[in-house]
Amino acid sequence: MNRDQNTPAIHSIVVETKNSGISLLRLLSSRFTYLSMEQWIGEIEQGRVRVNGRECGSQRIMEAGETIEYLPRGIREPDVNGDYRIIHRTADYLVINKPPNLPSHPGGIYRNNTLWSMLKTRFPEVTMVNRLDRETSGIIVAALTPRGRWLFQSEERRYGQIKKYLVMVHGRIEDSFDADGWIFQDRSSIIRKKQRFSPSFPDGIPAKSAETRFRSLCSNSEYSLLAAELRTGRTHQIRATLSSLGYPVVGDKIYGPEEEIFLRFISGELENADRETLILDHQALHSAVLCFPPDASQKKSDSGAADGQGRECFAAALPADYSGLIQREFSLNLRDPGEIRLLCL
């Protein structure tokens, strides 16, 4: 399911202080990775990129506060997996099982081929309550009314929520553990958006606190299956934490064993050897279970189940390739959402 539309609108950004002093080409190619460096050079040379309303060269040094405008040539959005499933629906919100390879919301090259855009054709007032990375599958919530947003975003309601992820990693982890520390930009990486986790605060780098609970479910000599519970919600929190601890997520192009795989992926040059290294076409990270305090104005759901503290809990079925990998490696059948709920809680 794809909405084959072009995006001819002008895109504009204001140069941030942290990007002052770098070239136009470096800024564009590092921040907007849907085009390669060579493609950005072509766009600049053809006058499709302007700084403060004027054409300029690719090596133009940028200053904070300057405006960069880009007029794309009707770039075709990449195909996505539009096979989402609505697990539960009320007058105020939707609980959805998002497939891998589907952006949650518009961004970068994706404007129409996103979950939000697809939902909006059916529910014009829809807004996304939370987000998942494009390659992360599982439970995501969309609000249909202001009350729906309040139910999931207000301070008093967020306190009672529980989010559990199923994540498969390289390496053997037999014990459960807590990972409390700090998330910050990995300045040693060639990938601009890559994050890093450390138990101690990094010197001279802005960082945000991060807390994740990991419970080992099963393992063998090569892989481990974990249940991860977020206590904070940082960008790439689970993936960055596990990678920094030496257990990269299976199928992860950014935090996996080889960073160059991500660069080949975004340039459309992924090789067969890369696919063998990744094992899955998407990262093995699934938003499996969401529990939240019941809404007194709604009758009890037929699709959810209560936990020991009266919260309403929903579980999302795994993608077929992910559940197949779990079956093959651990002889564990997790095709039924009920089994996933029992395993994670």
Protein backbone atom coordinates (compact mmCIF):
# COMPACT_ATOMS: atom_id res chain seq x y z
CA MET A 1 0.00 0.00 0.00
CA ASN A 2 1.72 3.14 -1.21
CA ARG A 3 0.50 6.59 -2.07
CA ASP A 4 2.46 7.37 -5.22
CA GLN A 5 2.62 11.14 -5.00
CA ASN A 6 5.40 13.60 -5.67
CA THR A 7 6.41 16.32 -3.23
CA PRO A 8 7.16 19.53 -5.18
CA ALA A 9 6.83 21.89 -2.19
CA ILE A 10 9.85 23.95 -1.14
CA HIS A 11 11.60 22.54 1.92
CA SER A 12 13.43 25.01 4.14
CA ILE A 13 15.53 24.90 7.30
CA VAL A 14 17.35 27.46 9.42
CA VAL A 15 21.01 26.68 10.11
CA GLU A 16 21.57 25.86 13.78
CA THR A 17 24.53 27.14 15.78
CA LYS A 18 26.07 23.66 15.94
CA ASN A 19 26.24 23.59 12.10
CA SER A 20 27.88 26.99 11.76
CA GLY A 21 31.24 26.77 10.00
CA ILE A 22 30.58 23.67 7.90
CA SER A 23 29.94 23.57 4.17
CA LEU A 24 26.49 23.51 2.58
CA LEU A 25 27.23 20.11 1.04
CA ARG A 26 28.36 18.57 4.31
CA LEU A 27 25.28 19.85 6.13
CA LEU A 28 22.85 18.56 3.49
CA SER A 29 24.48 15.16 2.97
CA SER A 30 24.80 14.44 6.70
CA ARG A 31 21.36 15.64 7.74
CA PHE A 32 19.25 14.62 4.74
CA THR A 33 20.53 11.16 3.92
CA TYR A 34 17.82 10.28 1.39
CA LEU A 35 20.20 11.72 -1.24
CA SER A 36 23.87 10.75 -1.55
CA MET A 37 26.64 13.35 -1.49
CA GLU A 38 26.97 13.12 -5.27
CA GLN A 39 23.23 13.65 -5.69
CA TRP A 40 23.32 16.72 -3.44
CA ILE A 41 26.14 18.15 -5.55
CA GLY A 42 23.93 17.74 -8.61
CA GLU A 43 20.97 19.42 -6.91
CA ILE A 44 23.14 22.37 -5.85
CA GLU A 45 24.71 22.75 -9.31
CA GLN A 46 21.24 22.74 -10.92
CA GLY A 47 20.12 25.61 -8.71
CA ARG A 48 17.62 23.63 -6.67
CA VAL A 49 19.28 24.64 -3.41
CA ARG A 50 19.45 28.27 -2.30
CA VAL A 51 20.90 30.00 0.73
CA ASN A 52 19.08 33.16 1.81
CA GLY A 53 17.26 33.11 -1.54
CA ARG A 54 20.41 32.90 -3.69
CA GLU A 55 22.12 30.09 -5.55
CA CYS A 56 25.59 29.20 -4.31
CA GLY A 57 28.31 26.56 -4.49
CA SER A 58 28.46 23.31 -2.57
CA GLN A 59 31.43 24.47 -0.47
CA ARG A 60 29.69 27.62 0.77
CA ILE A 61 30.39 27.89 4.51
CA MET A 62 27.21 28.16 6.54
CA GLU A 63 26.47 30.54 9.38
CA ALA A 64 23.91 30.18 12.16
CA GLY A 65 20.56 31.74 11.29
CA GLU A 66 20.89 31.42 7.51
CA THR A 67 18.00 29.85 5.60
CA ILE A 68 18.48 26.94 3.21
CA GLU A 69 15.72 26.24 0.69
CA TYR A 70 15.40 23.14 -1.46
CA LEU A 71 12.98 22.55 -4.35
CA PRO A 72 12.99 18.79 -5.08
CA ARG A 73 12.25 17.42 -8.52
CA GLY A 74 9.17 15.39 -7.64
CA ILE A 75 11.17 12.73 -5.83
CA ARG A 76 9.30 9.43 -5.72
CA GLU A 77 8.83 8.23 -2.19
CA PRO A 78 10.20 4.74 -1.47
CA ASP A 79 7.72 1.88 -1.23
CA VAL A 80 6.60 0.99 2.29
CA ASN A 81 4.69 -1.77 4.04
CA GLY A 82 1.21 -0.35 4.55
CA ASP A 83 -0.22 -3.50 6.15
CA TYR A 84 -1.01 -1.98 9.55
CA ARG A 85 -3.66 -3.49 11.83
CA ILE A 86 -6.00 -1.71 14.25
CA ILE A 87 -5.94 -3.82 17.42
CA HIS A 88 -8.42 -1.74 19.40
CA ARG A 89 -10.60 1.26 18.63
CA THR A 90 -12.59 3.64 20.81
CA ALA A 91 -14.17 7.01 20.09
CA ASP A 92 -11.00 8.66 21.43
CA TYR A 93 -8.03 6.59 20.26
CA LEU A 94 -6.66 3.70 18.19
CA VAL A 95 -4.21 1.01 19.27
CA ILE A 96 -2.36 -0.08 16.13
CA ASN A 97 0.12 -2.80 15.18
CA LYS A 98 2.58 -1.04 12.86
CA PRO A 99 4.56 -3.23 10.45
CA PRO A 100 8.28 -2.73 9.84
CA ASN A 101 9.31 -0.48 6.94
CA LEU A 102 6.56 2.06 7.58
CA PRO A 103 7.40 5.54 8.93
CA SER A 104 5.14 6.69 11.76
CA HIS A 105 4.93 10.29 10.55
CA PRO A 106 6.19 12.51 7.69
CA GLY A 107 9.90 13.27 7.66
CA GLY A 108 12.79 13.33 5.20
CA ILE A 109 11.77 11.81 1.89
CA TYR A 110 8.60 10.29 3.41
CA ARG A 111 5.57 12.57 3.29
CA ASN A 112 2.63 10.51 2.00
CA ASN A 113 3.84 6.95 2.57
CA THR A 114 3.54 7.13 6.36
CA LEU A 115 1.21 5.63 8.94
CA TRP A 116 -0.13 9.07 9.88
CA SER A 117 -0.93 9.92 6.25
CA MET A 118 -2.66 6.58 5.70
CA LEU A 119 -4.71 6.92 8.88
CA LYS A 120 -5.68 10.48 7.98
CA THR A 121 -7.59 9.28 4.91
CA ARG A 122 -9.86 7.30 7.29
CA PHE A 123 -9.71 9.49 10.40
CA PRO A 124 -9.22 13.17 9.42
CA GLU A 125 -8.60 14.35 13.02
CA VAL A 126 -5.98 11.72 13.85
CA THR A 127 -2.73 12.63 15.64
CA MET A 128 0.08 10.29 16.66
CA VAL A 129 0.44 9.88 20.42
CA ASN A 130 3.81 8.11 20.23
CA ARG A 131 6.29 7.19 17.53
CA LEU A 132 8.28 4.18 16.41
CA ASP A 133 11.28 4.15 14.10
CA ARG A 134 10.50 3.17 10.52
CA GLU A 135 11.97 -0.33 10.92
CA THR A 136 10.54 -0.95 14.40
CA SER A 137 7.27 -2.89 14.42
CA GLY A 138 4.51 -3.17 16.96
CA ILE A 139 2.13 -1.13 19.11
CA ILE A 140 1.66 2.54 18.41
CA VAL A 141 -1.22 4.74 19.59
CA ALA A 142 -3.11 7.39 17.62
CA ALA A 143 -5.55 9.88 19.15
CA LEU A 144 -8.85 10.77 17.49
CA THR A 145 -9.85 13.47 19.98
CA PRO A 146 -8.20 15.82 22.50
CA ARG A 147 -9.36 13.44 25.21
CA GLY A 148 -7.51 10.64 23.45
CA ARG A 149 -4.28 12.63 23.62
CA TRP A 150 -4.88 13.36 27.31
CA LEU A 151 -5.38 9.67 28.08
CA PHE A 152 -1.86 8.84 26.90
CA GLN A 153 0.15 12.06 27.19
CA SER A 154 -0.95 13.70 30.45
CA GLU A 155 1.47 13.39 33.36
CA GLU A 156 -1.00 11.60 35.59
CA ARG A 157 -1.79 9.03 32.89
CA ARG A 158 1.79 8.47 31.67
CA TYR A 159 2.84 7.44 35.16
CA GLY A 160 0.73 4.29 34.98
CA GLN A 161 1.82 3.15 31.50
CA ILE A 162 4.06 0.16 30.80
CA LYS A 163 5.77 -0.40 27.44
CA LYS A 164 7.49 -3.71 26.73
CA TYR A 165 9.57 -4.52 23.65
CA LEU A 166 10.79 -7.84 22.30
CA VAL A 167 14.35 -7.47 21.05
CA MET A 168 16.74 -10.07 19.64
CA VAL A 169 20.46 -9.36 19.86
CA HIS A 170 23.79 -10.81 18.84
CA GLY A 171 25.55 -12.43 21.80
CA ARG A 172 24.56 -14.47 24.82
CA ILE A 173 22.76 -12.73 27.70
CA GLU A 174 21.61 -15.10 30.44
CA ASP A 175 20.85 -12.65 33.24
CA SER A 176 18.38 -9.80 33.50
CA PHE A 177 19.79 -6.34 34.19
CA ASP A 178 19.01 -2.63 34.47
CA ALA A 179 20.78 -0.15 32.17
CA ASP A 180 20.72 3.28 33.83
CA GLY A 181 22.92 6.00 32.41
CA TRP A 182 23.14 8.59 29.67
CA ILE A 183 22.34 8.82 25.95
CA PHE A 184 24.32 11.19 23.74
CA GLN A 185 25.51 11.65 20.16
CA ASP A 186 28.23 9.23 19.11
CA ARG A 187 30.77 11.70 17.76
CA SER A 188 33.13 8.91 16.73
CA SER A 189 30.57 7.52 14.27
CA ILE A 190 30.36 8.31 10.57
CA ILE A 191 26.55 8.27 10.99
CA ARG A 192 25.33 11.65 12.22
CA LYS A 193 22.21 10.44 14.02
CA LYS A 194 23.85 7.54 15.84
CA GLN A 195 23.61 7.67 19.63
CA ARG A 196 25.71 6.14 22.39
CA PHE A 197 24.97 4.94 25.93
CA SER A 198 27.22 5.21 28.96
CA PRO A 199 26.58 4.51 32.65
CA SER A 200 28.56 7.67 33.48
CA PHE A 201 27.95 11.23 32.29
CA PRO A 202 30.15 12.05 29.24
CA ASP A 203 32.59 14.96 29.47
CA GLY A 204 31.79 17.96 27.29
CA ILE A 205 28.86 16.37 25.44
CA PRO A 206 25.14 17.15 25.96
CA ALA A 207 23.44 14.01 27.29
CA LYS A 208 20.03 12.85 28.49
CA SER A 209 19.32 10.34 31.23
CA ALA A 210 18.16 6.91 30.05
CA GLU A 211 16.72 3.99 32.01
CA THR A 212 15.87 0.60 30.51
CA ARG A 213 15.03 -2.71 32.17
CA PHE A 214 16.15 -5.83 30.30
CA ARG A 215 14.90 -9.32 31.10
CA SER A 216 16.52 -12.32 29.45
CA LEU A 217 13.89 -14.65 27.99
CA CYS A 218 16.09 -17.20 26.21
CA SER A 219 19.53 -17.45 24.61
CA ASN A 220 21.89 -19.72 22.72
CA SER A 221 25.54 -19.46 21.72
CA GLU A 222 24.84 -16.75 19.12
CA TYR A 223 21.68 -14.84 20.04
CA SER A 224 19.52 -13.72 22.94
CA LEU A 225 15.86 -12.73 23.14
CA LEU A 226 15.09 -9.99 25.66
CA ALA A 227 12.07 -8.16 27.01
CA ALA A 228 12.92 -4.47 27.31
CA GLU A 229 10.93 -2.01 29.40
CA LEU A 230 11.46 1.70 28.81
CA ARG A 231 11.53 3.94 31.88
CA THR A 232 12.53 6.94 29.76
CA GLY A 233 11.84 7.65 26.09
CA ARG A 234 15.04 8.69 24.32
CA THR A 235 15.79 8.45 20.60
CA HIS A 236 17.12 4.97 19.74
CA GLN A 237 17.29 4.21 23.47
CA ILE A 238 17.06 0.41 23.32
CA ARG A 239 19.23 0.05 20.22
CA ALA A 240 21.94 2.47 21.37
CA THR A 241 22.07 0.98 24.86
CA LEU A 242 22.43 -2.61 23.69
CA SER A 243 24.96 -1.73 20.99
CA SER A 244 27.11 0.23 23.46
CA LEU A 245 27.05 -2.75 25.83
CA GLY A 246 28.27 -5.06 23.06
CA TYR A 247 24.97 -6.67 22.03
CA PRO A 248 23.78 -5.10 18.74
CA VAL A 249 20.20 -5.71 17.67
CA VAL A 250 19.78 -8.26 14.89
CA GLY A 251 19.03 -6.55 11.56
CA ASP A 252 20.03 -3.08 12.79
CA LYS A 253 21.70 -1.16 9.98
CA ILE A 254 22.85 1.77 12.15
CA TYR A 255 23.84 0.02 15.39
CA GLY A 256 24.81 -3.35 13.91
CA PRO A 257 28.30 -4.82 13.54
CA GLU A 258 29.19 -2.71 10.45
CA GLU A 259 28.30 0.98 10.04
CA GLU A 260 29.15 0.85 6.33
CA ILE A 261 26.05 -1.30 5.80
CA PHE A 262 23.86 1.71 6.63
CA LEU A 263 25.75 3.90 4.15
CA ARG A 264 25.31 1.31 1.41
CA PHE A 265 21.64 0.95 2.34
CA ILE A 266 20.82 4.67 2.00
CA SER A 267 22.65 4.83 -1.33
CA GLY A 268 20.78 1.79 -2.67
CA GLU A 269 23.92 -0.35 -2.86
CA LEU A 270 23.16 -3.02 -0.26
CA GLU A 271 24.99 -6.24 -1.14
CA ASN A 272 23.99 -9.88 -0.65
CA ALA A 273 26.71 -10.22 1.99
CA ASP A 274 25.13 -7.30 3.86
CA ARG A 275 21.74 -9.02 3.85
CA GLU A 276 23.33 -12.18 5.24
CA THR A 277 24.95 -10.14 8.01
CA LEU A 278 21.67 -8.40 8.85
CA ILE A 279 19.66 -11.69 8.84
CA LEU A 280 16.37 -9.71 8.78
CA ASP A 281 15.34 -6.93 6.38
CA HIS A 282 14.45 -4.84 9.44
CA GLN A 283 15.72 -4.56 13.00
CA ALA A 284 14.51 -7.23 15.43
CA LEU A 285 12.82 -4.71 17.72
CA HIS A 286 9.07 -5.03 18.31
CA SER A 287 6.83 -2.89 20.52
CA ALA A 288 5.10 -5.93 21.95
CA VAL A 289 2.94 -4.88 24.91
CA LEU A 290 1.33 -1.65 26.08
CA CYS A 291 -0.46 -1.41 29.44
CA PHE A 292 -2.26 1.70 30.65
CA PRO A 293 -4.82 2.66 33.31
CA PRO A 294 -8.38 1.89 32.22
CA ASP A 295 -10.57 4.69 30.90
CA ALA A 296 -13.57 4.94 33.20
CA SER A 297 -15.71 6.35 30.39
CA GLN A 298 -15.22 3.27 28.19
CA LYS A 299 -16.43 -0.29 28.65
CA LYS A 300 -13.79 -2.96 29.06
CA SER A 301 -12.08 -3.98 25.83
CA ASP A 302 -12.63 -7.41 24.29
CA SER A 303 -9.17 -7.30 22.66
CA GLY A 304 -7.17 -6.35 25.75
CA ALA A 305 -6.46 -8.10 29.05
CA ALA A 306 -5.88 -6.78 32.56
CA ASP A 307 -2.58 -7.13 34.40
CA GLY A 308 -2.23 -7.65 38.15
CA GLN A 309 -2.73 -3.94 38.86
CA GLY A 310 -5.90 -3.46 36.82
CA ARG A 311 -4.24 -1.87 33.81
CA GLU A 312 -5.59 -2.66 30.36
CA CYS A 313 -2.93 -4.46 28.32
CA PHE A 314 -2.65 -4.97 24.57
CA ALA A 315 -0.17 -7.15 22.69
CA ALA A 316 0.85 -6.98 19.03
CA ALA A 317 1.61 -9.97 16.81
CA LEU A 318 5.19 -10.21 15.56
CA PRO A 319 6.11 -9.84 11.87
CA ALA A 320 6.20 -13.28 10.26
CA ASP A 321 9.94 -13.20 9.51
CA TYR A 322 10.77 -12.18 13.09
CA SER A 323 8.58 -14.85 14.70
CA GLY A 324 10.06 -17.38 12.26
CA LEU A 325 13.59 -16.44 13.34
CA ILE A 326 12.63 -16.84 17.01
CA GLN A 327 11.09 -20.23 16.26
CA ARG A 328 14.21 -21.35 14.40
CA GLU A 329 16.75 -20.16 16.99
CA PHE A 330 14.90 -20.82 20.26
CA SER A 331 12.10 -23.29 19.35
CA LEU A 332 9.69 -20.72 20.77
CA ASN A 333 6.29 -20.20 19.16
CA LEU A 334 5.26 -16.55 19.52
CA ARG A 335 2.73 -16.25 16.71
CA ASP A 336 -0.16 -15.50 19.06
CA PRO A 337 -0.39 -12.07 20.77
CA GLY A 338 -1.64 -13.78 23.93
CA GLU A 339 1.61 -15.74 24.18
CA ILE A 340 3.58 -12.53 23.69
CA ARG A 341 1.62 -10.83 26.48
CA LEU A 342 2.27 -13.68 28.90
CA LEU A 343 5.97 -13.80 28.03
CA CYS A 344 6.58 -10.08 28.43
CA LEU A 345 4.55 -9.34 31.58
